[in-house]
Amino acid sequence: MKVLKCSDLMWQYILKFKHGIAKLSQRYYYAWRIVKAHNVIGSITIDEFLKTLKHDTLSIPTDTLIELESIM
């Protein structure tokens, strides 16, 4: 039960952090890049996206990979 509560709290903190960074992204370029990278990673990790894949490998455009690599 404690693990579930901890997981819920962590999820709430992540959402609040994302909301705060999204507000900053209207003013700061690097905050915008963080939000963009988070959205790309989030879209890759959702179950519906993974179910639509027919291959064993994930095909991400090269420019997206280069941008994610430069952010990290």
N, C-alpha and C. Protein backbone atom coordinates (compact mmCIF):
# COMPACT_ATOMS: atom_id res chain seq x y z
N MET A 1 0.82 -1.19 0.00
CA MET A 1 0.00 0.00 0.00
C MET A 1 0.87 1.26 0.00
N LYS A 2 1.98 1.21 0.74
CA LYS A 2 2.87 2.37 0.78
C LYS A 2 3.51 2.63 -0.58
N VAL A 3 3.81 1.55 -1.29
CA VAL A 3 4.42 1.70 -2.61
C VAL A 3 3.45 2.37 -3.57
N LEU A 4 2.19 1.99 -3.49
CA LEU A 4 1.18 2.59 -4.35
C LEU A 4 1.00 4.08 -4.04
N LYS A 5 0.98 4.41 -2.75
CA LYS A 5 0.85 5.80 -2.35
C LYS A 5 2.07 6.60 -2.80
N CYS A 6 3.24 6.02 -2.65
CA CYS A 6 4.47 6.68 -3.09
C CYS A 6 4.45 6.89 -4.60
N SER A 7 3.99 5.90 -5.33
CA SER A 7 3.89 6.01 -6.78
C SER A 7 2.93 7.13 -7.18
N ASP A 8 1.80 7.21 -6.51
CA ASP A 8 0.84 8.27 -6.80
C ASP A 8 1.42 9.65 -6.52
N LEU A 9 2.13 9.79 -5.40
CA LEU A 9 2.75 11.07 -5.06
C LEU A 9 3.81 11.45 -6.09
N MET A 10 4.61 10.48 -6.50
CA MET A 10 5.63 10.76 -7.51
C MET A 10 4.99 11.20 -8.82
N TRP A 11 3.91 10.56 -9.20
CA TRP A 11 3.22 10.93 -10.44
C TRP A 11 2.68 12.36 -10.35
N GLN A 12 2.14 12.74 -9.18
CA GLN A 12 1.64 14.10 -8.99
C GLN A 12 2.77 15.11 -9.09
N TYR A 13 3.93 14.81 -8.50
CA TYR A 13 5.08 15.71 -8.58
C TYR A 13 5.57 15.85 -10.02
N ILE A 14 5.58 14.75 -10.75
CA ILE A 14 6.00 14.80 -12.15
C ILE A 14 5.07 15.69 -12.96
N LEU A 15 3.77 15.56 -12.75
CA LEU A 15 2.81 16.39 -13.48
C LEU A 15 2.96 17.86 -13.12
N LYS A 16 3.19 18.16 -11.83
CA LYS A 16 3.38 19.55 -11.41
C LYS A 16 4.67 20.11 -12.01
N PHE A 17 5.72 19.30 -12.03
CA PHE A 17 6.98 19.74 -12.61
C PHE A 17 6.81 20.02 -14.10
N LYS A 18 6.12 19.12 -14.79
CA LYS A 18 5.90 19.30 -16.23
C LYS A 18 5.08 20.56 -16.49
N HIS A 19 4.09 20.81 -15.66
CA HIS A 19 3.27 22.01 -15.82
C HIS A 19 4.11 23.27 -15.61
N GLY A 20 4.98 23.25 -14.60
CA GLY A 20 5.85 24.40 -14.34
C GLY A 20 6.83 24.64 -15.47
N ILE A 21 7.42 23.57 -15.97
CA ILE A 21 8.36 23.71 -17.09
C ILE A 21 7.63 24.19 -18.34
N ALA A 22 6.39 23.74 -18.54
CA ALA A 22 5.61 24.19 -19.70
C ALA A 22 5.36 25.69 -19.63
N LYS A 23 5.11 26.21 -18.42
CA LYS A 23 4.94 27.66 -18.28
C LYS A 23 6.24 28.39 -18.62
N LEU A 24 7.36 27.85 -18.16
CA LEU A 24 8.65 28.47 -18.46
C LEU A 24 8.99 28.38 -19.94
N SER A 25 8.47 27.37 -20.60
CA SER A 25 8.83 27.16 -22.01
C SER A 25 8.30 28.26 -22.91
N GLN A 26 7.34 29.02 -22.43
CA GLN A 26 6.85 30.14 -23.22
C GLN A 26 7.88 31.27 -23.26
N ARG A 27 8.79 31.27 -22.29
CA ARG A 27 9.78 32.34 -22.22
C ARG A 27 11.20 31.86 -22.52
N TYR A 28 11.52 30.63 -22.16
CA TYR A 28 12.90 30.16 -22.26
C TYR A 28 13.01 29.00 -23.24
N TYR A 29 14.00 29.08 -24.11
CA TYR A 29 14.19 28.09 -25.17
C TYR A 29 14.51 26.71 -24.60
N TYR A 30 15.40 26.63 -23.61
CA TYR A 30 15.79 25.32 -23.10
C TYR A 30 14.65 24.65 -22.34
N ALA A 31 13.80 25.42 -21.71
CA ALA A 31 12.61 24.85 -21.08
C ALA A 31 11.68 24.27 -22.14
N TRP A 32 11.59 24.95 -23.27
CA TRP A 32 10.78 24.45 -24.37
C TRP A 32 11.33 23.13 -24.90
N ARG A 33 12.67 23.05 -24.99
CA ARG A 33 13.28 21.81 -25.46
C ARG A 33 13.02 20.66 -24.49
N ILE A 34 13.04 20.94 -23.20
CA ILE A 34 12.75 19.90 -22.20
C ILE A 34 11.32 19.40 -22.38
N VAL A 35 10.39 20.32 -22.54
CA VAL A 35 8.98 19.93 -22.72
C VAL A 35 8.83 19.11 -24.00
N LYS A 36 9.49 19.53 -25.06
CA LYS A 36 9.40 18.80 -26.32
C LYS A 36 9.96 17.38 -26.18
N ALA A 37 11.12 17.26 -25.54
CA ALA A 37 11.71 15.93 -25.33
C ALA A 37 10.81 15.07 -24.47
N HIS A 38 10.22 15.65 -23.44
CA HIS A 38 9.33 14.89 -22.56
C HIS A 38 8.12 14.40 -23.33
N ASN A 39 7.59 15.23 -24.21
CA ASN A 39 6.43 14.82 -25.01
C ASN A 39 6.78 13.69 -25.98
N VAL A 40 7.96 13.76 -26.58
CA VAL A 40 8.38 12.69 -27.50
C VAL A 40 8.55 11.39 -26.73
N ILE A 41 9.24 11.46 -25.61
CA ILE A 41 9.45 10.25 -24.80
C ILE A 41 8.12 9.72 -24.28
N GLY A 42 7.23 10.62 -23.86
CA GLY A 42 5.91 10.20 -23.38
C GLY A 42 5.10 9.52 -24.46
N SER A 43 5.18 10.03 -25.69
CA SER A 43 4.41 9.42 -26.77
C SER A 43 4.97 8.05 -27.15
N ILE A 44 6.25 7.85 -26.94
CA ILE A 44 6.85 6.55 -27.25
C ILE A 44 6.48 5.51 -26.20
N THR A 45 6.34 5.93 -24.96
CA THR A 45 6.15 4.97 -23.87
C THR A 45 4.70 4.61 -23.59
N ILE A 46 3.74 5.26 -24.24
CA ILE A 46 2.35 4.90 -23.98
C ILE A 46 2.02 3.56 -24.64
N ASP A 47 1.12 2.84 -24.04
CA ASP A 47 0.80 1.49 -24.51
C ASP A 47 0.20 1.47 -25.91
N GLU A 48 -0.64 2.46 -26.24
CA GLU A 48 -1.28 2.46 -27.55
C GLU A 48 -0.25 2.58 -28.66
N PHE A 49 0.78 3.37 -28.44
CA PHE A 49 1.83 3.51 -29.44
C PHE A 49 2.58 2.21 -29.61
N LEU A 50 2.89 1.56 -28.50
CA LEU A 50 3.65 0.31 -28.57
C LEU A 50 2.84 -0.80 -29.22
N LYS A 51 1.52 -0.78 -29.05
CA LYS A 51 0.68 -1.81 -29.66
C LYS A 51 0.61 -1.65 -31.17
N THR A 52 0.77 -0.43 -31.67
CA THR A 52 0.68 -0.20 -33.11
C THR A 52 1.94 -0.62 -33.85
N LEU A 53 3.01 -0.85 -33.13
CA LEU A 53 4.27 -1.25 -33.78
C LEU A 53 4.17 -2.68 -34.29
N LYS A 54 4.58 -2.89 -35.50
CA LYS A 54 4.54 -4.22 -36.08
C LYS A 54 5.92 -4.85 -36.15
N HIS A 55 6.93 -4.07 -35.86
CA HIS A 55 8.30 -4.54 -35.95
C HIS A 55 8.90 -4.66 -34.55
N ASP A 56 9.97 -5.41 -34.47
CA ASP A 56 10.67 -5.54 -33.20
C ASP A 56 11.47 -4.29 -32.85
N THR A 57 11.79 -3.50 -33.85
CA THR A 57 12.57 -2.29 -33.61
C THR A 57 11.68 -1.07 -33.71
N LEU A 58 12.12 -0.02 -33.08
CA LEU A 58 11.38 1.23 -33.07
C LEU A 58 12.00 2.17 -34.09
N SER A 59 11.22 2.62 -35.03
CA SER A 59 11.76 3.52 -36.05
C SER A 59 11.41 4.96 -35.69
N ILE A 60 12.43 5.70 -35.30
CA ILE A 60 12.29 7.11 -34.97
C ILE A 60 13.10 7.88 -36.00
N PRO A 61 12.56 8.96 -36.52
CA PRO A 61 13.31 9.73 -37.51
C PRO A 61 14.67 10.18 -36.97
N THR A 62 15.65 10.24 -37.85
CA THR A 62 17.01 10.56 -37.46
C THR A 62 17.10 11.94 -36.82
N ASP A 63 16.37 12.91 -37.36
CA ASP A 63 16.45 14.25 -36.79
C ASP A 63 15.91 14.30 -35.36
N THR A 64 14.89 13.48 -35.07
CA THR A 64 14.37 13.41 -33.71
C THR A 64 15.40 12.79 -32.78
N LEU A 65 16.07 11.74 -33.23
CA LEU A 65 17.11 11.12 -32.41
C LEU A 65 18.26 12.08 -32.14
N ILE A 66 18.66 12.83 -33.15
CA ILE A 66 19.75 13.79 -32.97
C ILE A 66 19.34 14.87 -31.98
N GLU A 67 18.12 15.33 -32.07
CA GLU A 67 17.65 16.36 -31.14
C GLU A 67 17.58 15.84 -29.71
N LEU A 68 17.07 14.61 -29.52
CA LEU A 68 17.03 14.03 -28.18
C LEU A 68 18.43 13.83 -27.63
N GLU A 69 19.35 13.41 -28.48
CA GLU A 69 20.73 13.21 -28.04
C GLU A 69 21.37 14.52 -27.63
N SER A 70 21.09 15.59 -28.34
CA SER A 70 21.68 16.88 -27.98
C SER A 70 21.09 17.42 -26.69
N ILE A 71 19.83 17.08 -26.39
CA ILE A 71 19.21 17.51 -25.14
C ILE A 71 19.83 16.79 -23.96
N MET A 72 20.09 15.51 -24.14
CA MET A 72 20.66 14.73 -23.04
C MET A 72 22.11 15.07 -22.88
